[in-house]
Protein backbone atom coordinates (compact mmCIF):
# COMPACT_ATOMS: atom_id res chain seq x y z
CA MET A 1 10.78 40.52 41.68
CA LEU A 2 12.28 42.59 38.89
CA VAL A 3 10.34 40.70 36.24
CA THR A 4 7.12 41.33 38.13
CA LEU A 5 7.82 45.05 38.26
CA ILE A 6 8.66 45.19 34.57
CA ARG A 7 5.48 43.33 33.63
CA ARG A 8 3.33 45.55 35.79
CA TYR A 9 4.66 48.91 34.67
CA SER A 10 5.38 48.15 31.02
CA LYS A 11 1.81 47.22 30.06
CA PRO A 12 0.83 50.72 28.86
CA TYR A 13 3.97 50.81 26.72
CA LEU A 14 3.62 47.41 25.02
CA PRO A 15 2.72 48.84 21.58
CA TYR A 16 5.81 51.03 21.69
CA ILE A 17 8.00 48.13 22.80
CA TRP A 18 6.72 45.97 19.95
CA ALA A 19 7.27 48.84 17.50
CA VAL A 20 10.87 49.19 18.66
CA ILE A 21 11.43 45.45 18.28
CA PHE A 22 9.90 45.46 14.80
CA PHE A 23 11.88 48.46 13.55
CA GLN A 24 15.10 47.14 15.06
CA LEU A 25 14.55 43.83 13.27
CA ALA A 26 13.87 45.63 9.99
CA SER A 27 17.00 47.73 10.45
CA THR A 28 19.13 44.65 11.10
CA ILE A 29 17.77 42.87 8.03
CA ALA A 30 18.43 45.93 5.86
CA ALA A 31 21.98 46.27 7.22
CA LEU A 32 22.70 42.62 6.46
CA TYR A 33 21.22 42.87 2.95
CA LEU A 34 23.13 46.02 1.97
CA PRO A 35 26.53 44.41 1.20
CA SER A 36 24.84 41.84 -1.04
CA LEU A 37 22.97 44.60 -2.84
CA ASN A 38 26.16 46.62 -3.34
CA ALA A 39 27.96 43.58 -4.74
CA GLN A 40 25.08 42.88 -7.09
CA ILE A 41 25.10 46.48 -8.36
CA ILE A 42 28.86 46.36 -8.94
CA ASP A 43 28.83 42.93 -10.62
CA GLU A 44 25.80 43.48 -12.84
CA GLY A 45 25.76 47.22 -13.40
CA VAL A 46 29.16 48.82 -12.98
CA SER A 47 31.23 46.08 -14.61
CA ARG A 48 28.94 46.01 -17.67
CA GLY A 49 28.36 49.77 -17.79
CA ASP A 50 24.61 49.32 -17.42
CA THR A 51 23.52 52.53 -15.73
CA ASP A 52 19.85 51.64 -16.11
CA TYR A 53 20.39 48.51 -13.99
CA ILE A 54 22.22 50.56 -11.39
CA TRP A 55 19.34 53.00 -11.11
CA ARG A 56 16.66 50.27 -11.03
CA THR A 57 18.44 48.17 -8.44
CA GLY A 58 19.64 51.08 -6.33
CA GLY A 59 16.24 52.70 -6.34
């Protein structure tokens, strides 16, 4: 019964629901990629003193 109600009344909001799902997925992927990116910046840029690499990768 609950599923039927949700299907019936959520139809006008489906684009918004899909947008939330998409942006939440993008946010999760970015949050999981960030530690790897930080490690890469530290290993390649900070340890070698390559500020150009830090700016390119961080940007």
